[in-house]
mmCIF file of all heavy atoms, coordinates in Angstrom:
data_MODEL
# 
_entry.id   MODEL 
# 
loop_
_atom_site.group_PDB 
_atom_site.id 
_atom_site.type_symbol 
_atom_site.label_atom_id 
_atom_site.label_alt_id 
_atom_site.label_comp_id 
_atom_site.label_asym_id 
_atom_site.label_entity_id 
_atom_site.label_seq_id 
_atom_site.pdbx_PDB_ins_code 
_atom_site.Cartn_x 
_atom_site.Cartn_y 
_atom_site.Cartn_z 
_atom_site.occupancy 
_atom_site.B_iso_or_equiv 
_atom_site.pdbx_formal_charge 
_atom_site.auth_seq_id 
_atom_site.auth_comp_id 
_atom_site.auth_asym_id 
_atom_site.auth_atom_id 
_atom_site.pdbx_PDB_model_num 
ATOM 1   N N   . GLY A 1 1  ? 16.965 33.945 84.728 1.00 0.00 ? 1  GLY A N   1 
ATOM 2   C CA  . GLY A 1 1  ? 15.794 34.860 84.593 1.00 0.00 ? 1  GLY A CA  1 
ATOM 3   C C   . GLY A 1 1  ? 15.163 34.939 83.146 1.00 0.00 ? 1  GLY A C   1 
ATOM 4   O O   . GLY A 1 1  ? 14.177 35.579 83.125 1.00 0.00 ? 1  GLY A O   1 
ATOM 5   N N   . VAL A 1 2  ? 15.736 34.329 82.194 1.00 0.00 ? 2  VAL A N   1 
ATOM 6   C CA  . VAL A 1 2  ? 15.198 34.437 80.879 1.00 0.00 ? 2  VAL A CA  1 
ATOM 7   C C   . VAL A 1 2  ? 14.055 33.452 80.818 1.00 0.00 ? 2  VAL A C   1 
ATOM 8   O O   . VAL A 1 2  ? 14.183 32.271 81.243 1.00 0.00 ? 2  VAL A O   1 
ATOM 9   C CB  . VAL A 1 2  ? 16.232 34.117 79.794 1.00 0.00 ? 2  VAL A CB  1 
ATOM 10  C CG1 . VAL A 1 2  ? 15.662 33.927 78.375 1.00 0.00 ? 2  VAL A CG1 1 
ATOM 11  C CG2 . VAL A 1 2  ? 17.381 35.092 79.780 1.00 0.00 ? 2  VAL A CG2 1 
ATOM 12  N N   . GLY A 1 3  ? 12.863 33.788 80.272 1.00 0.00 ? 3  GLY A N   1 
ATOM 13  C CA  . GLY A 1 3  ? 11.808 33.002 80.123 1.00 0.00 ? 3  GLY A CA  1 
ATOM 14  C C   . GLY A 1 3  ? 12.026 31.889 79.093 1.00 0.00 ? 3  GLY A C   1 
ATOM 15  O O   . GLY A 1 3  ? 12.674 32.201 78.160 1.00 0.00 ? 3  GLY A O   1 
ATOM 16  N N   . GLY A 1 4  ? 11.615 30.634 79.373 1.00 0.00 ? 4  GLY A N   1 
ATOM 17  C CA  . GLY A 1 4  ? 11.931 29.590 78.387 1.00 0.00 ? 4  GLY A CA  1 
ATOM 18  C C   . GLY A 1 4  ? 10.858 28.645 78.218 1.00 0.00 ? 4  GLY A C   1 
ATOM 19  O O   . GLY A 1 4  ? 10.145 28.353 79.116 1.00 0.00 ? 4  GLY A O   1 
ATOM 20  N N   . LEU A 1 5  ? 10.598 28.146 77.063 1.00 0.00 ? 5  LEU A N   1 
ATOM 21  C CA  . LEU A 1 5  ? 9.629  27.154 76.696 1.00 0.00 ? 5  LEU A CA  1 
ATOM 22  C C   . LEU A 1 5  ? 10.316 26.129 75.757 1.00 0.00 ? 5  LEU A C   1 
ATOM 23  O O   . LEU A 1 5  ? 10.918 26.441 74.715 1.00 0.00 ? 5  LEU A O   1 
ATOM 24  C CB  . LEU A 1 5  ? 8.549  27.812 75.875 1.00 0.00 ? 5  LEU A CB  1 
ATOM 25  C CG  . LEU A 1 5  ? 7.273  26.890 75.785 1.00 0.00 ? 5  LEU A CG  1 
ATOM 26  C CD1 . LEU A 1 5  ? 6.552  26.590 76.905 1.00 0.00 ? 5  LEU A CD1 1 
ATOM 27  C CD2 . LEU A 1 5  ? 6.432  27.430 74.672 1.00 0.00 ? 5  LEU A CD2 1 
ATOM 28  N N   . LEU A 1 6  ? 10.264 24.804 76.081 1.00 0.00 ? 6  LEU A N   1 
ATOM 29  C CA  . LEU A 1 6  ? 10.803 23.764 75.399 1.00 0.00 ? 6  LEU A CA  1 
ATOM 30  C C   . LEU A 1 6  ? 9.827  22.958 74.752 1.00 0.00 ? 6  LEU A C   1 
ATOM 31  O O   . LEU A 1 6  ? 8.770  22.451 75.531 1.00 0.00 ? 6  LEU A O   1 
ATOM 32  C CB  . LEU A 1 6  ? 11.685 22.877 76.335 1.00 0.00 ? 6  LEU A CB  1 
ATOM 33  C CG  . LEU A 1 6  ? 12.952 23.610 76.721 1.00 0.00 ? 6  LEU A CG  1 
ATOM 34  C CD1 . LEU A 1 6  ? 13.618 22.797 77.874 1.00 0.00 ? 6  LEU A CD1 1 
ATOM 35  C CD2 . LEU A 1 6  ? 13.822 23.719 75.641 1.00 0.00 ? 6  LEU A CD2 1 
ATOM 36  N N   . ILE A 1 7  ? 9.707  22.706 73.534 1.00 0.00 ? 7  ILE A N   1 
ATOM 37  C CA  . ILE A 1 7  ? 8.885  21.947 72.724 1.00 0.00 ? 7  ILE A CA  1 
ATOM 38  C C   . ILE A 1 7  ? 9.500  20.720 72.167 1.00 0.00 ? 7  ILE A C   1 
ATOM 39  O O   . ILE A 1 7  ? 10.456 20.872 71.506 1.00 0.00 ? 7  ILE A O   1 
ATOM 40  C CB  . ILE A 1 7  ? 8.144  22.853 71.623 1.00 0.00 ? 7  ILE A CB  1 
ATOM 41  C CG1 . ILE A 1 7  ? 7.463  24.042 72.226 1.00 0.00 ? 7  ILE A CG1 1 
ATOM 42  C CG2 . ILE A 1 7  ? 7.094  21.949 70.779 1.00 0.00 ? 7  ILE A CG2 1 
ATOM 43  C CD1 . ILE A 1 7  ? 6.955  24.954 71.127 1.00 0.00 ? 7  ILE A CD1 1 
ATOM 44  N N   . CYS A 1 8  ? 8.864  19.621 72.382 1.00 0.00 ? 8  CYS A N   1 
ATOM 45  C CA  . CYS A 1 8  ? 9.285  18.319 71.715 1.00 0.00 ? 8  CYS A CA  1 
ATOM 46  C C   . CYS A 1 8  ? 8.368  17.908 70.589 1.00 0.00 ? 8  CYS A C   1 
ATOM 47  O O   . CYS A 1 8  ? 6.923  17.781 70.873 1.00 0.00 ? 8  CYS A O   1 
ATOM 48  C CB  . CYS A 1 8  ? 9.333  17.249 72.789 1.00 0.00 ? 8  CYS A CB  1 
ATOM 49  S SG  . CYS A 1 8  ? 9.535  15.660 72.024 1.00 0.00 ? 8  CYS A SG  1 
ATOM 50  N N   . SER A 1 9  ? 8.829  17.735 69.347 1.00 0.00 ? 9  SER A N   1 
ATOM 51  C CA  . SER A 1 9  ? 8.168  17.139 68.364 1.00 0.00 ? 9  SER A CA  1 
ATOM 52  C C   . SER A 1 9  ? 8.280  15.676 68.376 1.00 0.00 ? 9  SER A C   1 
ATOM 53  O O   . SER A 1 9  ? 9.378  15.182 67.998 1.00 0.00 ? 9  SER A O   1 
ATOM 54  C CB  . SER A 1 9  ? 8.593  17.684 66.994 1.00 0.00 ? 9  SER A CB  1 
ATOM 55  O OG  . SER A 1 9  ? 8.033  17.073 65.850 1.00 0.00 ? 9  SER A OG  1 
ATOM 56  N N   . ALA A 1 10 ? 7.423  14.964 69.051 1.00 0.00 ? 10 ALA A N   1 
ATOM 57  C CA  . ALA A 1 10 ? 7.499  13.623 69.480 1.00 0.00 ? 10 ALA A CA  1 
ATOM 58  C C   . ALA A 1 10 ? 7.289  12.678 68.361 1.00 0.00 ? 10 ALA A C   1 
ATOM 59  O O   . ALA A 1 10 ? 6.701  12.908 67.257 1.00 0.00 ? 10 ALA A O   1 
ATOM 60  C CB  . ALA A 1 10 ? 6.578  13.335 70.595 1.00 0.00 ? 10 ALA A CB  1 
ATOM 61  N N   . SER A 1 11 ? 7.923  11.518 68.466 1.00 0.00 ? 11 SER A N   1 
ATOM 62  C CA  . SER A 1 11 ? 7.689  10.382 67.467 1.00 0.00 ? 11 SER A CA  1 
ATOM 63  C C   . SER A 1 11 ? 7.855  8.997  68.239 1.00 0.00 ? 11 SER A C   1 
ATOM 64  O O   . SER A 1 11 ? 8.443  9.019  69.371 1.00 0.00 ? 11 SER A O   1 
ATOM 65  C CB  . SER A 1 11 ? 8.656  10.423 66.396 1.00 0.00 ? 11 SER A CB  1 
ATOM 66  O OG  . SER A 1 11 ? 9.981  10.078 66.840 1.00 0.00 ? 11 SER A OG  1 
ATOM 67  N N   . SER A 1 12 ? 7.474  8.018  67.533 1.00 0.00 ? 12 SER A N   1 
ATOM 68  C CA  . SER A 1 12 ? 7.699  6.600  68.006 1.00 0.00 ? 12 SER A CA  1 
ATOM 69  C C   . SER A 1 12 ? 9.198  6.204  68.087 1.00 0.00 ? 12 SER A C   1 
ATOM 70  O O   . SER A 1 12 ? 9.391  5.279  68.753 1.00 0.00 ? 12 SER A O   1 
ATOM 71  C CB  . SER A 1 12 ? 6.870  5.676  67.357 1.00 0.00 ? 12 SER A CB  1 
ATOM 72  O OG  . SER A 1 12 ? 7.253  5.530  65.968 1.00 0.00 ? 12 SER A OG  1 
ATOM 73  N N   . GLU A 1 13 ? 9.982  6.886  67.373 1.00 0.00 ? 13 GLU A N   1 
ATOM 74  C CA  . GLU A 1 13 ? 11.427 6.485  67.116 1.00 0.00 ? 13 GLU A CA  1 
ATOM 75  C C   . GLU A 1 13 ? 12.290 7.222  68.312 1.00 0.00 ? 13 GLU A C   1 
ATOM 76  O O   . GLU A 1 13 ? 13.394 6.522  68.610 1.00 0.00 ? 13 GLU A O   1 
ATOM 77  C CB  . GLU A 1 13 ? 11.943 6.944  65.840 1.00 0.00 ? 13 GLU A CB  1 
ATOM 78  C CG  . GLU A 1 13 ? 11.187 6.263  64.635 1.00 0.00 ? 13 GLU A CG  1 
ATOM 79  C CD  . GLU A 1 13 ? 11.871 6.810  63.282 1.00 0.00 ? 13 GLU A CD  1 
ATOM 80  O OE1 . GLU A 1 13 ? 12.300 7.952  63.290 1.00 0.00 ? 13 GLU A OE1 1 
ATOM 81  O OE2 . GLU A 1 13 ? 11.870 6.086  62.369 1.00 0.00 ? 13 GLU A OE2 1 
ATOM 82  N N   . GLN A 1 14 ? 11.780 8.179  68.885 1.00 0.00 ? 14 GLN A N   1 
ATOM 83  C CA  . GLN A 1 14 ? 12.735 8.918  69.774 1.00 0.00 ? 14 GLN A CA  1 
ATOM 84  C C   . GLN A 1 14 ? 11.891 9.682  70.919 1.00 0.00 ? 14 GLN A C   1 
ATOM 85  O O   . GLN A 1 14 ? 11.058 10.475 70.529 1.00 0.00 ? 14 GLN A O   1 
ATOM 86  C CB  . GLN A 1 14 ? 13.524 9.975  69.190 1.00 0.00 ? 14 GLN A CB  1 
ATOM 87  C CG  . GLN A 1 14 ? 14.572 10.755 69.898 1.00 0.00 ? 14 GLN A CG  1 
ATOM 88  C CD  . GLN A 1 14 ? 15.443 9.807  70.815 1.00 0.00 ? 14 GLN A CD  1 
ATOM 89  O OE1 . GLN A 1 14 ? 15.315 9.506  71.973 1.00 0.00 ? 14 GLN A OE1 1 
ATOM 90  N NE2 . GLN A 1 14 ? 16.508 9.236  70.064 1.00 0.00 ? 14 GLN A NE2 1 
ATOM 91  N N   . ASP A 1 15 ? 12.141 9.313  72.076 1.00 0.00 ? 15 ASP A N   1 
ATOM 92  C CA  . ASP A 1 15 ? 11.489 9.907  73.198 1.00 0.00 ? 15 ASP A CA  1 
ATOM 93  C C   . ASP A 1 15 ? 12.395 10.579 74.294 1.00 0.00 ? 15 ASP A C   1 
ATOM 94  O O   . ASP A 1 15 ? 11.889 11.049 75.337 1.00 0.00 ? 15 ASP A O   1 
ATOM 95  C CB  . ASP A 1 15 ? 10.535 8.910  73.850 1.00 0.00 ? 15 ASP A CB  1 
ATOM 96  C CG  . ASP A 1 15 ? 11.314 7.781  74.635 1.00 0.00 ? 15 ASP A CG  1 
ATOM 97  O OD1 . ASP A 1 15 ? 12.621 7.834  74.567 1.00 0.00 ? 15 ASP A OD1 1 
ATOM 98  O OD2 . ASP A 1 15 ? 10.665 6.932  75.224 1.00 0.00 ? 15 ASP A OD2 1 
ATOM 99  N N   . ALA A 1 16 ? 13.636 11.002 73.941 1.00 0.00 ? 16 ALA A N   1 
ATOM 100 C CA  . ALA A 1 16 ? 14.492 11.365 74.761 1.00 0.00 ? 16 ALA A CA  1 
ATOM 101 C C   . ALA A 1 16 ? 14.067 12.843 75.247 1.00 0.00 ? 16 ALA A C   1 
ATOM 102 O O   . ALA A 1 16 ? 14.520 13.238 76.407 1.00 0.00 ? 16 ALA A O   1 
ATOM 103 C CB  . ALA A 1 16 ? 15.914 11.367 74.242 1.00 0.00 ? 16 ALA A CB  1 
ATOM 104 N N   . LEU A 1 17 ? 13.467 13.572 74.519 1.00 0.00 ? 17 LEU A N   1 
ATOM 105 C CA  . LEU A 1 17 ? 13.051 14.899 74.738 1.00 0.00 ? 17 LEU A CA  1 
ATOM 106 C C   . LEU A 1 17 ? 11.781 15.079 75.577 1.00 0.00 ? 17 LEU A C   1 
ATOM 107 O O   . LEU A 1 17 ? 11.573 16.125 76.073 1.00 0.00 ? 17 LEU A O   1 
ATOM 108 C CB  . LEU A 1 17 ? 13.046 15.720 73.504 1.00 0.00 ? 17 LEU A CB  1 
ATOM 109 C CG  . LEU A 1 17 ? 14.221 15.803 72.596 1.00 0.00 ? 17 LEU A CG  1 
ATOM 110 C CD1 . LEU A 1 17 ? 13.985 16.842 71.387 1.00 0.00 ? 17 LEU A CD1 1 
ATOM 111 C CD2 . LEU A 1 17 ? 15.566 16.197 73.338 1.00 0.00 ? 17 LEU A CD2 1 
ATOM 112 N N   . VAL A 1 18 ? 10.987 13.983 75.601 1.00 0.00 ? 18 VAL A N   1 
ATOM 113 C CA  . VAL A 1 18 ? 9.638  14.102 76.065 1.00 0.00 ? 18 VAL A CA  1 
ATOM 114 C C   . VAL A 1 18 ? 9.659  14.536 77.538 1.00 0.00 ? 18 VAL A C   1 
ATOM 115 O O   . VAL A 1 18 ? 8.880  15.459 78.000 1.00 0.00 ? 18 VAL A O   1 
ATOM 116 C CB  . VAL A 1 18 ? 8.830  12.680 75.915 1.00 0.00 ? 18 VAL A CB  1 
ATOM 117 C CG1 . VAL A 1 18 ? 7.570  12.741 76.568 1.00 0.00 ? 18 VAL A CG1 1 
ATOM 118 C CG2 . VAL A 1 18 ? 8.564  12.468 74.460 1.00 0.00 ? 18 VAL A CG2 1 
ATOM 119 N N   . ALA A 1 19 ? 10.348 13.860 78.255 1.00 0.00 ? 19 ALA A N   1 
ATOM 120 C CA  . ALA A 1 19 ? 10.453 14.307 79.788 1.00 0.00 ? 19 ALA A CA  1 
ATOM 121 C C   . ALA A 1 19 ? 11.010 15.684 80.063 1.00 0.00 ? 19 ALA A C   1 
ATOM 122 O O   . ALA A 1 19 ? 10.748 16.265 81.107 1.00 0.00 ? 19 ALA A O   1 
ATOM 123 C CB  . ALA A 1 19 ? 11.367 13.218 80.469 1.00 0.00 ? 19 ALA A CB  1 
ATOM 124 N N   . ARG A 1 20 ? 11.761 16.125 79.049 1.00 0.00 ? 20 ARG A N   1 
ATOM 125 C CA  . ARG A 1 20 ? 12.493 17.398 79.310 1.00 0.00 ? 20 ARG A CA  1 
ATOM 126 C C   . ARG A 1 20 ? 11.458 18.594 78.791 1.00 0.00 ? 20 ARG A C   1 
ATOM 127 O O   . ARG A 1 20 ? 11.799 19.756 79.102 1.00 0.00 ? 20 ARG A O   1 
ATOM 128 C CB  . ARG A 1 20 ? 13.806 17.546 78.505 1.00 0.00 ? 20 ARG A CB  1 
ATOM 129 C CG  . ARG A 1 20 ? 14.794 16.598 78.963 1.00 0.00 ? 20 ARG A CG  1 
ATOM 130 C CD  . ARG A 1 20 ? 15.656 16.997 80.215 1.00 0.00 ? 20 ARG A CD  1 
ATOM 131 N NE  . ARG A 1 20 ? 16.115 18.334 79.963 1.00 0.00 ? 20 ARG A NE  1 
ATOM 132 C CZ  . ARG A 1 20 ? 17.336 18.640 79.403 1.00 0.00 ? 20 ARG A CZ  1 
ATOM 133 N NH1 . ARG A 1 20 ? 18.000 17.500 78.942 1.00 0.00 ? 20 ARG A NH1 1 
ATOM 134 N NH2 . ARG A 1 20 ? 17.776 19.780 79.250 1.00 0.00 ? 20 ARG A NH2 1 
ATOM 135 N N   . ALA A 1 21 ? 10.555 18.354 77.921 1.00 0.00 ? 21 ALA A N   1 
ATOM 136 C CA  . ALA A 1 21 ? 9.849  19.348 77.413 1.00 0.00 ? 21 ALA A CA  1 
ATOM 137 C C   . ALA A 1 21 ? 8.670  19.863 78.132 1.00 0.00 ? 21 ALA A C   1 
ATOM 138 O O   . ALA A 1 21 ? 8.057  19.191 79.023 1.00 0.00 ? 21 ALA A O   1 
ATOM 139 C CB  . ALA A 1 21 ? 9.147  18.816 75.959 1.00 0.00 ? 21 ALA A CB  1 
ATOM 140 N N   . ASP A 1 22 ? 8.279  21.176 77.943 1.00 0.00 ? 22 ASP A N   1 
ATOM 141 C CA  . ASP A 1 22 ? 7.175  21.707 78.551 1.00 0.00 ? 22 ASP A CA  1 
ATOM 142 C C   . ASP A 1 22 ? 5.939  21.405 77.769 1.00 0.00 ? 22 ASP A C   1 
ATOM 143 O O   . ASP A 1 22 ? 4.684  21.397 78.163 1.00 0.00 ? 22 ASP A O   1 
ATOM 144 C CB  . ASP A 1 22 ? 7.328  23.236 78.484 1.00 0.00 ? 22 ASP A CB  1 
ATOM 145 C CG  . ASP A 1 22 ? 8.573  23.694 79.386 1.00 0.00 ? 22 ASP A CG  1 
ATOM 146 O OD1 . ASP A 1 22 ? 8.672  23.271 80.497 1.00 0.00 ? 22 ASP A OD1 1 
ATOM 147 O OD2 . ASP A 1 22 ? 9.420  24.376 78.747 1.00 0.00 ? 22 ASP A OD2 1 
ATOM 148 N N   . VAL A 1 23 ? 6.005  21.396 76.394 1.00 0.00 ? 23 VAL A N   1 
ATOM 149 C CA  . VAL A 1 23 ? 4.995  20.914 75.457 1.00 0.00 ? 23 VAL A CA  1 
ATOM 150 C C   . VAL A 1 23 ? 5.365  19.811 74.568 1.00 0.00 ? 23 VAL A C   1 
ATOM 151 O O   . VAL A 1 23 ? 6.426  19.862 73.993 1.00 0.00 ? 23 VAL A O   1 
ATOM 152 C CB  . VAL A 1 23 ? 4.608  22.273 74.586 1.00 0.00 ? 23 VAL A CB  1 
ATOM 153 C CG1 . VAL A 1 23 ? 3.525  21.886 73.500 1.00 0.00 ? 23 VAL A CG1 1 
ATOM 154 C CG2 . VAL A 1 23 ? 4.237  23.420 75.517 1.00 0.00 ? 23 VAL A CG2 1 
ATOM 155 N N   . VAL A 1 24 ? 4.591  18.847 74.438 1.00 0.00 ? 24 VAL A N   1 
ATOM 156 C CA  . VAL A 1 24 ? 4.811  17.728 73.563 1.00 0.00 ? 24 VAL A CA  1 
ATOM 157 C C   . VAL A 1 24 ? 3.748  17.639 72.408 1.00 0.00 ? 24 VAL A C   1 
ATOM 158 O O   . VAL A 1 24 ? 2.613  17.562 72.813 1.00 0.00 ? 24 VAL A O   1 
ATOM 159 C CB  . VAL A 1 24 ? 4.860  16.344 74.447 1.00 0.00 ? 24 VAL A CB  1 
ATOM 160 C CG1 . VAL A 1 24 ? 5.058  15.142 73.431 1.00 0.00 ? 24 VAL A CG1 1 
ATOM 161 C CG2 . VAL A 1 24 ? 5.840  16.327 75.594 1.00 0.00 ? 24 VAL A CG2 1 
ATOM 162 N N   . LEU A 1 25 ? 4.251  17.640 71.365 1.00 0.00 ? 25 LEU A N   1 
ATOM 163 C CA  . LEU A 1 25 ? 3.439  17.646 70.075 1.00 0.00 ? 25 LEU A CA  1 
ATOM 164 C C   . LEU A 1 25 ? 3.630  16.470 69.319 1.00 0.00 ? 25 LEU A C   1 
ATOM 165 O O   . LEU A 1 25 ? 4.686  15.986 69.235 1.00 0.00 ? 25 LEU A O   1 
ATOM 166 C CB  . LEU A 1 25 ? 3.720  19.115 69.195 1.00 0.00 ? 25 LEU A CB  1 
ATOM 167 C CG  . LEU A 1 25 ? 3.645  20.235 69.987 1.00 0.00 ? 25 LEU A CG  1 
ATOM 168 C CD1 . LEU A 1 25 ? 3.939  21.438 69.081 1.00 0.00 ? 25 LEU A CD1 1 
ATOM 169 C CD2 . LEU A 1 25 ? 2.063  20.410 70.296 1.00 0.00 ? 25 LEU A CD2 1 
# 
């Protein structure tokens, strides 16, 4: 029930967080 927001600081070197993120920057 805790509100959550996941942000990925994306790069060409690592994309593992992209699919998990709510916001991709």
